[in-house]
N, C-alpha and C. Protein backbone atom coordinates (compact mmCIF):
# COMPACT_ATOMS: atom_id res chain seq x y z
N MET A 1 -53.45 3.45 1.09
CA MET A 1 -52.58 3.11 0.38
C MET A 1 -52.60 3.05 -1.29
N ARG A 2 -51.33 3.09 -1.72
CA ARG A 2 -51.47 4.21 -2.96
C ARG A 2 -51.93 2.97 -3.89
N ALA A 3 -52.22 3.09 -5.20
CA ALA A 3 -52.70 2.48 -6.19
C ALA A 3 -51.06 1.41 -6.87
N ASP A 4 -50.26 2.17 -7.11
CA ASP A 4 -49.28 1.36 -7.33
C ASP A 4 -48.73 0.42 -6.61
N GLN A 5 -48.62 0.34 -5.37
CA GLN A 5 -48.82 -0.60 -3.75
C GLN A 5 -49.71 -1.63 -4.37
N LEU A 6 -51.00 -0.92 -4.49
CA LEU A 6 -51.74 -2.05 -4.63
C LEU A 6 -51.67 -3.04 -5.62
N ALA A 7 -51.40 -2.58 -6.93
CA ALA A 7 -51.46 -3.23 -8.31
C ALA A 7 -50.01 -4.02 -8.19
N ALA A 8 -48.97 -4.02 -7.41
CA ALA A 8 -47.74 -4.38 -7.48
C ALA A 8 -48.03 -5.86 -6.96
N GLY A 9 -48.55 -6.34 -6.06
CA GLY A 9 -48.99 -7.75 -5.79
C GLY A 9 -50.47 -8.65 -6.19
N LEU A 10 -50.49 -7.84 -7.39
CA LEU A 10 -51.98 -8.59 -7.85
C LEU A 10 -51.55 -9.29 -9.33
N GLY A 11 -50.03 -9.30 -9.57
CA GLY A 11 -49.92 -10.36 -10.63
C GLY A 11 -50.19 -9.91 -12.23
N LEU A 12 -50.27 -8.71 -12.38
CA LEU A 12 -50.86 -8.04 -13.72
C LEU A 12 -50.41 -8.42 -14.77
N LYS A 13 -50.65 -8.75 -15.82
CA LYS A 13 -50.28 -8.90 -17.49
C LYS A 13 -50.53 -7.75 -18.04
N PRO A 14 -49.69 -7.12 -18.71
CA PRO A 14 -50.10 -6.32 -20.04
C PRO A 14 -50.92 -6.28 -20.53
N HIS A 15 -51.90 -4.84 -20.79
CA HIS A 15 -52.96 -5.05 -21.25
C HIS A 15 -52.76 -4.76 -22.93
N GLU A 16 -53.03 -4.94 -23.96
CA GLU A 16 -52.81 -4.61 -25.42
C GLU A 16 -53.27 -2.67 -25.68
N GLU A 17 -53.97 -2.35 -24.47
CA GLU A 17 -54.66 -0.99 -24.70
C GLU A 17 -53.64 -0.54 -23.90
N GLY A 18 -53.09 -0.79 -23.30
CA GLY A 18 -52.01 -0.26 -22.42
C GLY A 18 -52.29 -0.66 -21.10
N GLY A 19 -51.54 0.15 -20.20
CA GLY A 19 -51.74 -0.37 -18.80
C GLY A 19 -51.60 -1.89 -18.82
N SER A 20 -52.12 -2.76 -17.25
CA SER A 20 -52.15 -3.53 -17.20
C SER A 20 -53.48 -4.46 -16.54
N PHE A 21 -53.49 -5.40 -16.27
CA PHE A 21 -54.98 -5.71 -15.74
C PHE A 21 -54.77 -7.51 -15.35
N MET A 22 -55.90 -8.25 -14.63
CA MET A 22 -56.28 -9.57 -14.40
C MET A 22 -57.52 -9.73 -14.62
N MET A 23 -58.09 -11.17 -15.37
CA MET A 23 -59.44 -11.10 -15.06
C MET A 23 -59.69 -11.93 -13.55
N CYS A 24 -60.95 -11.44 -13.69
CA CYS A 24 -61.51 -11.93 -11.72
C CYS A 24 -62.56 -13.12 -12.14
N ASN A 25 -63.36 -13.08 -13.38
CA ASN A 25 -64.66 -13.98 -12.97
C ASN A 25 -64.21 -15.06 -14.60
N GLU A 26 -63.24 -15.39 -15.13
CA GLU A 26 -62.80 -15.98 -16.40
C GLU A 26 -63.52 -17.29 -15.87
N ASP A 27 -63.74 -18.16 -15.06
CA ASP A 27 -64.19 -19.65 -15.13
C ASP A 27 -65.78 -19.19 -14.50
N SER A 28 -66.18 -18.34 -14.11
CA SER A 28 -67.64 -18.21 -13.47
C SER A 28 -68.91 -17.73 -14.29
N ASP A 29 -68.68 -16.79 -14.45
CA ASP A 29 -70.23 -15.91 -15.20
C ASP A 29 -69.80 -16.00 -16.24
N LYS A 30 -70.85 -16.51 -16.83
CA LYS A 30 -70.43 -16.45 -18.62
C LYS A 30 -71.51 -14.87 -19.11
N ASP A 31 -72.40 -14.51 -18.31
CA ASP A 31 -72.99 -13.26 -18.94
C ASP A 31 -72.29 -12.23 -18.65
N SER A 32 -71.41 -12.07 -17.98
CA SER A 32 -70.47 -11.01 -17.51
C SER A 32 -69.19 -11.17 -17.29
N GLY A 33 -68.80 -10.23 -17.75
CA GLY A 33 -66.93 -10.22 -17.39
C GLY A 33 -66.60 -9.26 -16.39
N ALA A 34 -65.55 -9.57 -15.86
CA ALA A 34 -64.56 -8.31 -14.70
C ALA A 34 -62.99 -8.81 -14.76
N ILE A 35 -62.53 -7.28 -14.74
CA ILE A 35 -61.13 -7.21 -14.55
C ILE A 35 -60.77 -6.32 -13.71
N LEU A 36 -59.88 -6.41 -13.07
CA LEU A 36 -58.91 -5.30 -12.50
C LEU A 36 -58.04 -4.78 -13.35
N TYR A 37 -57.91 -3.36 -13.78
CA TYR A 37 -56.92 -2.75 -14.42
C TYR A 37 -56.36 -1.93 -14.05
N TYR A 38 -55.04 -1.78 -14.29
CA TYR A 38 -54.07 -0.88 -13.73
C TYR A 38 -53.70 0.30 -14.72
N LEU A 39 -53.70 1.26 -14.27
CA LEU A 39 -52.86 2.75 -15.45
C LEU A 39 -51.90 3.31 -14.94
N GLY A 40 -50.77 3.27 -15.09
CA GLY A 40 -49.74 3.66 -14.30
C GLY A 40 -49.39 4.58 -14.54
N PRO A 41 -48.42 5.63 -13.77
CA PRO A 41 -47.90 7.38 -14.06
C PRO A 41 -47.87 7.36 -15.46
N GLY A 42 -48.29 8.38 -16.51
CA GLY A 42 -47.80 8.15 -17.96
C GLY A 42 -48.29 7.50 -18.80
N GLN A 43 -49.23 6.72 -18.48
CA GLN A 43 -49.64 5.31 -19.52
C GLN A 43 -51.36 5.70 -19.89
N PHE A 44 -51.62 5.50 -20.83
CA PHE A 44 -53.06 5.74 -21.29
C PHE A 44 -53.56 4.52 -21.91
N SER A 45 -55.00 4.09 -21.86
CA SER A 45 -55.95 3.09 -22.93
C SER A 45 -55.84 3.67 -23.93
N GLN A 46 -55.54 3.25 -24.87
CA GLN A 46 -55.59 3.07 -26.57
C GLN A 46 -57.32 3.56 -26.71
N PHE A 47 -57.62 4.26 -27.18
CA PHE A 47 -59.02 4.33 -28.08
C PHE A 47 -59.60 2.90 -28.61
N HIS A 48 -60.57 2.42 -28.09
CA HIS A 48 -60.93 1.21 -28.48
C HIS A 48 -62.51 1.37 -28.49
N MET A 49 -63.19 0.18 -29.00
CA MET A 49 -64.82 -0.02 -28.83
C MET A 49 -64.98 -1.73 -28.83
N MET A 50 -65.99 -1.71 -27.72
CA MET A 50 -66.79 -2.95 -27.75
C MET A 50 -68.23 -2.77 -28.81
N GLU A 51 -67.97 -3.54 -29.62
CA GLU A 51 -69.18 -3.92 -30.39
C GLU A 51 -70.52 -4.26 -29.69
N GLN A 52 -70.29 -5.25 -29.08
CA GLN A 52 -71.35 -5.83 -28.36
C GLN A 52 -72.00 -5.70 -26.63
N THR A 53 -70.86 -4.81 -25.94
CA THR A 53 -70.99 -5.05 -24.79
C THR A 53 -70.66 -3.54 -24.22
N GLU A 54 -71.57 -3.35 -22.97
CA GLU A 54 -71.16 -2.20 -21.95
C GLU A 54 -70.01 -2.35 -21.43
N GLU A 55 -69.77 -1.20 -20.76
CA GLU A 55 -68.35 -1.43 -19.88
C GLU A 55 -69.06 -0.52 -18.60
N HIS A 56 -68.53 -1.15 -17.55
CA HIS A 56 -69.05 -0.30 -15.95
C HIS A 56 -67.76 -0.37 -15.23
N TRP A 57 -67.39 1.00 -15.04
CA TRP A 57 -65.94 1.30 -14.60
C TRP A 57 -66.29 2.04 -13.11
N CYS A 58 -65.51 1.61 -11.82
CA CYS A 58 -65.28 1.63 -10.88
C CYS A 58 -63.83 1.76 -10.32
N ILE A 59 -63.68 2.89 -9.94
CA ILE A 59 -62.55 3.40 -8.99
C ILE A 59 -61.91 2.66 -7.69
N HIS A 60 -60.77 2.18 -7.53
CA HIS A 60 -60.40 1.79 -6.34
C HIS A 60 -59.35 2.65 -5.00
N ALA A 61 -58.63 2.93 -6.26
CA ALA A 61 -57.45 3.53 -5.78
C ALA A 61 -56.70 4.45 -6.81
N GLY A 62 -56.11 5.57 -6.31
CA GLY A 62 -54.93 6.58 -7.07
C GLY A 62 -55.85 7.72 -7.52
N THR A 63 -55.54 8.61 -8.84
CA THR A 63 -55.57 9.58 -9.17
C THR A 63 -56.88 9.64 -9.95
N ASP A 64 -57.65 10.43 -10.40
CA ASP A 64 -58.75 10.65 -11.28
C ASP A 64 -58.14 10.44 -12.59
N LEU A 65 -59.46 9.57 -13.59
CA LEU A 65 -58.99 9.56 -14.80
C LEU A 65 -60.11 10.23 -15.86
N GLU A 66 -59.62 10.43 -16.80
CA GLU A 66 -60.58 10.97 -18.11
C GLU A 66 -61.09 9.79 -18.88
N ILE A 67 -62.57 9.37 -19.00
CA ILE A 67 -62.84 8.73 -19.82
C ILE A 67 -63.30 9.20 -21.06
N TRP A 68 -62.80 9.43 -22.06
CA TRP A 68 -63.27 10.29 -23.63
C TRP A 68 -63.73 9.07 -24.19
N ILE A 69 -65.32 9.34 -24.40
CA ILE A 69 -66.75 8.84 -25.25
C ILE A 69 -66.58 9.37 -26.19
N ALA A 70 -66.61 8.41 -27.71
CA ALA A 70 -67.19 9.28 -28.77
C ALA A 70 -68.18 8.47 -29.32
N ASP A 71 -69.00 9.17 -30.02
CA ASP A 71 -70.05 8.32 -31.04
C ASP A 71 -69.66 8.04 -32.26
N PRO A 72 -69.27 7.20 -33.03
CA PRO A 72 -68.28 7.06 -34.11
C PRO A 72 -69.33 7.44 -35.61
N ASP A 73 -70.45 7.03 -34.76
CA ASP A 73 -71.83 7.72 -36.10
C ASP A 73 -71.94 9.10 -36.55
N THR A 74 -71.88 9.89 -35.00
CA THR A 74 -72.49 11.16 -34.97
C THR A 74 -71.27 12.57 -34.78
N GLY A 75 -70.11 11.82 -34.51
CA GLY A 75 -68.81 12.51 -33.77
C GLY A 75 -69.05 13.38 -32.77
N ALA A 76 -70.19 12.85 -31.98
CA ALA A 76 -70.59 13.73 -30.90
C ALA A 76 -69.44 13.07 -29.54
N PHE A 77 -69.07 13.41 -28.59
CA PHE A 77 -68.13 13.28 -27.72
C PHE A 77 -68.22 13.93 -26.40
N GLU A 78 -67.42 12.97 -25.11
CA GLU A 78 -67.81 13.45 -24.05
C GLU A 78 -66.73 13.01 -23.09
N VAL A 79 -66.33 14.17 -22.54
CA VAL A 79 -65.10 13.11 -21.48
C VAL A 79 -65.60 13.32 -20.08
N ARG A 80 -65.55 12.23 -19.61
CA ARG A 80 -66.10 11.63 -18.18
C ARG A 80 -65.23 11.84 -17.18
N ARG A 81 -65.44 11.99 -15.65
CA ARG A 81 -64.29 12.02 -15.00
C ARG A 81 -64.49 10.55 -14.14
N LEU A 82 -63.72 9.75 -13.83
CA LEU A 82 -63.62 8.92 -12.66
C LEU A 82 -62.80 9.28 -11.86
N GLY A 83 -63.22 9.35 -10.45
CA GLY A 83 -62.57 9.45 -9.30
C GLY A 83 -62.79 9.99 -8.28
N TYR A 84 -61.93 10.20 -7.62
CA TYR A 84 -62.29 11.03 -6.26
C TYR A 84 -62.65 12.85 -5.45
N ASP A 85 -62.43 13.69 -7.25
CA ASP A 85 -62.29 15.09 -6.80
C ASP A 85 -63.51 15.31 -6.86
N ASP A 86 -63.58 16.85 -6.90
CA ASP A 86 -65.20 17.29 -7.39
C ASP A 86 -65.30 17.07 -8.65
N GLY A 87 -66.77 16.84 -8.96
CA GLY A 87 -66.94 16.93 -10.17
C GLY A 87 -66.66 15.42 -11.01
N ALA A 88 -65.86 14.64 -10.06
CA ALA A 88 -65.52 12.93 -10.53
C ALA A 88 -66.94 12.28 -9.76
N ARG A 89 -66.82 10.95 -10.44
CA ARG A 89 -67.91 9.67 -10.24
C ARG A 89 -66.92 8.64 -9.73
N LEU A 90 -67.66 7.70 -9.09
CA LEU A 90 -66.96 6.74 -8.86
C LEU A 90 -67.20 5.93 -9.56
N SER A 91 -68.08 5.66 -9.87
CA SER A 91 -68.67 4.70 -11.17
C SER A 91 -69.16 5.41 -12.36
N LEU A 92 -68.76 4.51 -13.33
CA LEU A 92 -69.93 5.23 -14.74
C LEU A 92 -69.49 3.82 -15.79
N LYS A 93 -70.75 4.42 -16.55
CA LYS A 93 -71.18 3.35 -17.65
C LYS A 93 -70.69 4.00 -19.04
N VAL A 94 -69.89 2.82 -20.02
CA VAL A 94 -69.55 3.54 -21.34
C VAL A 94 -70.61 2.23 -22.14
N PRO A 95 -71.53 2.86 -23.06
CA PRO A 95 -72.41 1.99 -23.55
C PRO A 95 -71.74 1.42 -24.59
N GLY A 96 -72.51 0.54 -24.92
CA GLY A 96 -71.48 -0.45 -26.34
C GLY A 96 -71.71 0.49 -27.45
N LYS A 97 -70.60 -0.07 -28.62
CA LYS A 97 -70.73 0.60 -29.61
C LYS A 97 -70.17 2.27 -29.74
N MET A 98 -69.43 2.42 -28.40
CA MET A 98 -68.56 3.62 -28.58
C MET A 98 -67.49 3.56 -28.29
N ILE A 99 -66.47 4.30 -29.09
CA ILE A 99 -65.11 4.45 -29.00
C ILE A 99 -64.60 5.35 -27.82
N MET A 100 -63.82 4.63 -27.13
CA MET A 100 -63.18 5.26 -25.79
C MET A 100 -61.97 4.74 -25.16
N GLY A 101 -60.96 5.85 -24.61
CA GLY A 101 -59.93 5.99 -24.30
C GLY A 101 -59.84 6.20 -22.85
N ILE A 102 -58.97 6.17 -22.61
CA ILE A 102 -58.61 6.66 -20.75
C ILE A 102 -57.42 7.02 -20.42
N ARG A 103 -57.50 8.10 -19.68
CA ARG A 103 -55.78 8.50 -19.69
C ARG A 103 -56.09 9.36 -18.06
N HIS A 104 -55.23 9.69 -17.64
CA HIS A 104 -54.97 10.24 -15.96
C HIS A 104 -55.45 11.69 -16.22
N ALA A 105 -56.34 12.46 -15.21
CA ALA A 105 -56.74 13.48 -15.81
C ALA A 105 -56.01 14.64 -15.31
N ASP A 106 -54.65 14.29 -14.58
CA ASP A 106 -53.27 14.96 -14.53
C ASP A 106 -52.01 14.37 -15.13
N ALA A 107 -51.78 15.28 -16.02
CA ALA A 107 -50.62 14.13 -16.85
C ALA A 107 -49.36 14.39 -16.01
N ASP A 108 -49.36 15.01 -14.87
CA ASP A 108 -48.17 14.72 -14.22
C ASP A 108 -48.17 14.18 -12.73
N ALA A 109 -49.24 13.38 -12.90
CA ALA A 109 -49.78 11.97 -11.49
C ALA A 109 -48.73 11.59 -11.07
N SER A 110 -48.35 11.71 -9.70
CA SER A 110 -47.16 10.32 -9.33
C SER A 110 -47.56 9.20 -8.96
N ASP A 111 -49.15 8.77 -8.78
CA ASP A 111 -49.17 7.47 -8.84
C ASP A 111 -50.67 6.97 -9.95
N GLY A 112 -50.40 5.57 -9.79
CA GLY A 112 -51.65 5.19 -10.89
C GLY A 112 -52.75 4.80 -10.33
N THR A 113 -53.82 4.31 -11.23
CA THR A 113 -55.05 4.07 -10.98
C THR A 113 -55.43 3.05 -10.91
N LEU A 114 -55.98 2.13 -10.14
CA LEU A 114 -56.59 1.11 -9.88
C LEU A 114 -58.10 0.53 -9.88
N VAL A 115 -58.59 0.22 -10.91
CA VAL A 115 -60.16 0.29 -11.36
C VAL A 115 -60.69 -0.61 -11.76
N SER A 116 -61.81 -1.16 -11.50
CA SER A 116 -62.57 -2.28 -12.03
C SER A 116 -63.60 -2.23 -13.57
N CYS A 117 -63.56 -3.12 -14.55
CA CYS A 117 -64.16 -3.09 -15.12
C CYS A 117 -65.36 -4.47 -15.28
N ILE A 118 -66.43 -4.26 -15.30
CA ILE A 118 -67.85 -5.17 -15.53
C ILE A 118 -68.09 -5.03 -17.00
N THR A 119 -67.82 -5.95 -17.68
CA THR A 119 -69.00 -5.60 -18.69
C THR A 119 -70.07 -6.62 -19.20
N VAL A 120 -71.21 -5.88 -19.70
CA VAL A 120 -72.50 -6.94 -19.85
C VAL A 120 -72.63 -6.70 -20.87
N PRO A 121 -73.10 -7.71 -22.20
CA PRO A 121 -72.65 -9.08 -21.75
C PRO A 121 -71.13 -9.46 -21.67
N ARG A 122 -70.80 -10.40 -21.36
CA ARG A 122 -69.50 -11.00 -21.35
C ARG A 122 -68.56 -10.44 -22.37
N PHE A 123 -67.86 -9.72 -22.57
CA PHE A 123 -66.22 -9.56 -23.27
C PHE A 123 -66.48 -10.46 -24.22
N THR A 124 -66.54 -9.95 -25.61
CA THR A 124 -66.58 -11.00 -27.17
C THR A 124 -65.23 -10.75 -27.80
N GLU A 125 -65.26 -9.27 -28.23
CA GLU A 125 -64.72 -8.49 -29.34
C GLU A 125 -64.79 -7.16 -29.00
N GLU A 126 -63.13 -7.03 -29.55
CA GLU A 126 -62.89 -5.27 -29.23
C GLU A 126 -62.08 -4.78 -30.61
N ARG A 127 -62.32 -3.68 -31.02
CA ARG A 127 -61.32 -3.20 -31.84
C ARG A 127 -60.35 -2.20 -31.02
N ILE A 128 -59.37 -2.16 -31.77
CA ILE A 128 -58.41 -1.10 -31.10
C ILE A 128 -58.05 -0.22 -32.09
N TYR A 129 -58.09 1.25 -31.99
CA TYR A 129 -57.54 2.31 -32.78
C TYR A 129 -56.06 2.73 -33.07
N SER A 130 -55.48 2.82 -33.81
CA SER A 130 -54.40 3.22 -33.84
C SER A 130 -54.10 4.64 -33.91
N VAL A 131 -53.45 5.62 -33.39
CA VAL A 131 -53.23 6.71 -33.19
C VAL A 131 -53.61 7.55 -34.93
N ASP A 132 -52.89 6.61 -36.08
CA ASP A 132 -52.98 7.22 -37.35
C ASP A 132 -54.48 6.95 -37.51
N GLU A 133 -55.46 5.78 -37.21
CA GLU A 133 -56.89 5.79 -37.73
C GLU A 133 -57.54 6.92 -36.58
N ILE A 134 -56.95 7.25 -35.52
CA ILE A 134 -57.75 8.67 -35.14
C ILE A 134 -57.33 9.77 -35.36
N ARG A 135 -56.31 10.01 -36.01
CA ARG A 135 -56.17 11.27 -36.78
C ARG A 135 -57.14 11.45 -38.09
N LYS A 136 -57.14 9.94 -38.86
CA LYS A 136 -57.62 10.33 -40.21
C LYS A 136 -59.12 10.40 -39.88
N SER A 137 -60.13 9.66 -39.36
CA SER A 137 -61.60 9.38 -39.21
C SER A 137 -61.76 9.95 -38.09
N TYR A 138 -61.18 10.12 -37.06
CA TYR A 138 -61.59 10.95 -35.65
C TYR A 138 -60.72 12.41 -35.09
N PRO A 139 -60.31 13.08 -36.12
CA PRO A 139 -59.49 13.97 -35.72
C PRO A 139 -59.80 14.57 -34.48
N TYR A 140 -60.81 15.02 -34.18
CA TYR A 140 -61.52 15.71 -33.11
C TYR A 140 -61.17 15.39 -31.90
N LEU A 141 -60.39 13.60 -31.83
CA LEU A 141 -60.16 13.29 -30.87
C LEU A 141 -58.58 12.96 -30.59
N MET A 142 -57.84 14.13 -31.45
CA MET A 142 -56.40 14.22 -31.16
C MET A 142 -56.06 15.02 -29.91
N SER A 143 -56.62 15.65 -29.51
CA SER A 143 -56.47 16.41 -28.25
C SER A 143 -55.90 15.41 -26.98
N PHE A 144 -56.79 14.13 -27.11
CA PHE A 144 -56.43 13.39 -25.95
C PHE A 144 -54.72 12.87 -25.86
N TYR A 145 -54.45 13.05 -27.06
CA TYR A 145 -52.81 12.36 -26.80
C TYR A 145 -51.99 14.00 -26.82
N ARG A 146 -51.17 13.76 -25.46
CA ARG A 146 -50.90 15.41 -24.90
C ARG A 146 -49.40 15.40 -25.47
């Protein structure tokens, strides 16, 4: 089944970073958080940083994603691939205090991607970066925007 077909029946809400999501454990475990997240064709997740929380990502369906991860203190960055193709991983961890953005590995992908994200400890605060902030403070990340 395609990711867009799976996502259609989940009642997802728009996410402020881009894409759409639903909380999975908002009433249970206070030590961690979990969401299902869908990134449709042509969409991307704006650069953001979780101050105190690491993120664990797992793919469930759809096309491969690129996870761009940058250290705001050193300027070091890497692009990790989440997905099914050669060189991609089925799951990965993003440490806290890193700037990250997510986009489809194939800009012309016809399907979206359904993933889960588990945060430890539970998500509490996030900073979303505007394109202007990235351009000014982290110009090496501008190639993210196709």
